[in-house]
C-alpha atoms as a PDB file:
ATOM      1  CA  MET A   1     -24.827  54.211  20.081  1.00  0.00           C
ATOM      2  CA  ALA A   2     -21.063  53.325  20.207  1.00  0.00           C
ATOM      3  CA  ARG A   3     -19.775  49.727  19.515  1.00  0.00           C
ATOM      4  CA  THR A   4     -17.073  48.021  21.237  1.00  0.00           C
ATOM      5  CA  LEU A   5     -15.088  44.973  19.855  1.00  0.00           C
ATOM      6  CA  ILE A   6     -13.908  42.772  22.316  1.00  0.00           C
ATOM      7  CA  ASP A   7     -11.545  39.508  21.814  1.00  0.00           C
ATOM      8  CA  LEU A   8     -12.323  36.933  24.414  1.00  0.00           C
ATOM      9  CA  GLN A   9      -9.921  33.768  24.713  1.00  0.00           C
ATOM     10  CA  GLY A  10      -9.279  30.975  27.468  1.00  0.00           C
ATOM     11  CA  PRO A  11     -11.292  31.171  30.536  1.00  0.00           C
ATOM     12  CA  GLN A  12     -13.486  34.186  29.525  1.00  0.00           C
ATOM     13  CA  GLU A  13     -14.605  32.582  26.367  1.00  0.00           C
ATOM     14  CA  LEU A  14     -15.199  29.336  28.214  1.00  0.00           C
ATOM     15  CA  ILE A  15     -17.153  30.909  30.825  1.00  0.00           C
ATOM     16  CA  LEU A  16     -19.208  32.756  28.420  1.00  0.00           C
ATOM     17  CA  GLU A  17     -19.988  29.661  26.433  1.00  0.00           C
ATOM     18  CA  LYS A  18     -20.968  27.601  29.540  1.00  0.00           C
ATOM     19  CA  ALA A  19     -23.543  30.785  30.345  1.00  0.00           C
ATOM     20  CA  LEU A  20     -25.194  30.276  26.955  1.00  0.00           C
ATOM     21  CA  GLU A  21     -25.277  26.506  27.282  1.00  0.00           C
ATOM     22  CA  LEU A  22     -26.953  26.839  30.688  1.00  0.00           C
ATOM     23  CA  GLY A  23     -29.443  29.169  29.310  1.00  0.00           C
ATOM     24  CA  LEU A  24     -28.438  32.050  31.563  1.00  0.00           C
ATOM     25  CA  TYR A  25     -28.214  34.241  28.480  1.00  0.00           C
ATOM     26  CA  LYS A  26     -29.634  33.791  24.821  1.00  0.00           C
ATOM     27  CA  THR A  27     -26.622  35.756  23.013  1.00  0.00           C
ATOM     28  CA  LYS A  28     -23.033  36.445  23.735  1.00  0.00           C
ATOM     29  CA  ALA A  29     -23.833  40.215  23.652  1.00  0.00           C
ATOM     30  CA  GLU A  30     -26.397  39.877  26.239  1.00  0.00           C
ATOM     31  CA  ALA A  31     -24.223  37.826  28.441  1.00  0.00           C
ATOM     32  CA  VAL A  32     -21.354  40.784  28.110  1.00  0.00           C
ATOM     33  CA  ARG A  33     -23.982  43.384  28.841  1.00  0.00           C
ATOM     34  CA  GLY A  34     -25.261  41.634  32.003  1.00  0.00           C
ATOM     35  CA  ALA A  35     -21.778  41.126  33.265  1.00  0.00           C
ATOM     36  CA  ILE A  36     -20.941  44.813  32.743  1.00  0.00           C
ATOM     37  CA  ASN A  37     -24.176  45.791  34.518  1.00  0.00           C
ATOM     38  CA  ASP A  38     -23.089  43.549  37.505  1.00  0.00           C
ATOM     39  CA  LEU A  39     -19.660  44.946  37.577  1.00  0.00           C
ATOM     40  CA  GLY A  40     -21.031  48.292  37.709  1.00  0.00           C
ATOM     41  CA  LYS A  41     -23.451  47.506  40.592  1.00  0.00           C
ATOM     42  CA  GLU A  42     -20.565  45.490  42.557  1.00  0.00           C
ATOM     43  CA  TYR A  43     -18.191  48.693  42.365  1.00  0.00           C
ATOM     44  CA  LYS A  44     -21.157  51.153  42.923  1.00  0.00           C
ATOM     45  CA  ILE A  45     -19.776  53.083  39.711  1.00  0.00           C
ATOM     46  CA  PHE A  46     -22.875  55.081  39.867  1.00  0.00           C
ATOM     47  CA  LYS A  47     -24.663  55.944  43.299  1.00  0.00           C
ATOM     48  CA  ASP A  48     -27.984  54.730  41.961  1.00  0.00           C
ATOM     49  CA  ALA A  49     -30.163  53.892  38.928  1.00  0.00           C
ATOM     50  CA  GLN A  50     -31.241  57.791  38.863  1.00  0.00           C
ATOM     51  CA  GLY A  51     -27.504  58.755  38.608  1.00  0.00           C
ATOM     52  CA  LEU A  52     -26.848  56.254  35.785  1.00  0.00           C
ATOM     53  CA  GLU A  53     -29.922  57.603  34.122  1.00  0.00           C
ATOM     54  CA  ASP A  54     -28.908  61.191  34.549  1.00  0.00           C
ATOM     55  CA  GLU A  55     -25.543  60.642  33.093  1.00  0.00           C
ATOM     56  CA  LEU A  56     -27.193  58.855  29.983  1.00  0.00           C
ATOM     57  CA  VAL A  57     -29.447  61.588  29.358  1.00  0.00           C
ATOM     58  CA  ALA A  58     -26.783  64.400  29.649  1.00  0.00           C
ATOM     59  CA  ARG A  59     -24.732  62.407  27.339  1.00  0.00           C
ATOM     60  CA  LYS A  60     -27.460  62.221  24.941  1.00  0.00           C
ATOM     61  CA  MET A  61     -28.427  66.016  25.249  1.00  0.00           C
ATOM     62  CA  LEU A  62     -24.641  66.821  24.504  1.00  0.00           C
ATOM     63  CA  ARG A  63     -24.688  64.578  21.240  1.00  0.00           C
ATOM     64  CA  GLU A  64     -27.824  66.024  19.985  1.00  0.00           C
ATOM     65  CA  GLU A  65     -26.343  69.591  20.703  1.00  0.00           C
ATOM     66  CA  LYS A  66     -23.352  68.772  18.599  1.00  0.00           C
ATOM     67  CA  GLU A  67     -25.632  67.336  15.779  1.00  0.00           C
ATOM     68  CA  ILE A  68     -27.742  70.657  15.879  1.00  0.00           C
ATOM     69  CA  LYS A  69     -24.525  72.851  15.613  1.00  0.00           C
ATOM     70  CA  ALA A  70     -23.191  70.793  12.717  1.00  0.00           C
ATOM     71  CA  GLY A  71     -26.420  71.113  10.933  1.00  0.00           C
ATOM     72  CA  LYS A  72     -27.312  67.247  11.152  1.00  0.00           C
ATOM     73  CA  ARG A  73     -30.444  67.962  13.306  1.00  0.00           C
ATOM     74  CA  LYS A  74     -33.335  70.663  12.911  1.00  0.00           C
ATOM     75  CA  ILE A  75     -35.215  71.948  15.972  1.00  0.00           C
ATOM     76  CA  LEU A  76     -38.791  72.598  14.640  1.00  0.00           C
ATOM     77  CA  SER A  77     -41.048  75.178  16.035  1.00  0.00           C
ATOM     78  CA  GLU A  78     -44.389  74.255  17.523  1.00  0.00           C
ATOM     79  CA  HIS A  79     -46.042  76.054  14.138  1.00  0.00           C
ATOM     80  CA  GLU A  80     -43.612  73.657  12.080  1.00  0.00           C
ATOM     81  CA  VAL A  81     -44.309  70.482  13.950  1.00  0.00           C
ATOM     82  CA  LYS A  82     -48.293  71.121  13.645  1.00  0.00           C
ATOM     83  CA  LYS A  83     -47.917  71.694   9.906  1.00  0.00           C
ATOM     84  CA  LYS A  84     -45.514  68.700   9.111  1.00  0.00           C
ATOM     85  CA  TYR A  85     -47.966  66.379  10.968  1.00  0.00           C
ATOM     86  CA  GLY A  86     -51.250  68.152  10.255  1.00  0.00           C
ATOM     87  CA  PHE A  87     -52.299  69.257  13.664  1.00  0.00           C
ATOM     88  CA  LYS A  88     -54.513  72.281  14.154  1.00  0.00           C
END
């Protein structure tokens, strides 16, 4: 998961603090995630929830493929999984 550091000052900082004070969100991170989700909906960045999910799955698959090629992740055969976890 990627991490993004943002510096909020002035009106954005005040709005964020007020949202927490009003109990709209429990944490600053939750408030920022909510705002980003709302932005995505407002501008229809993805056609629908399925389009967003498809993009997330595709990115995860590409990340895992890179890890496999780099030797950081191993694919087990059905036999290896059964042996590892004691299945018959």
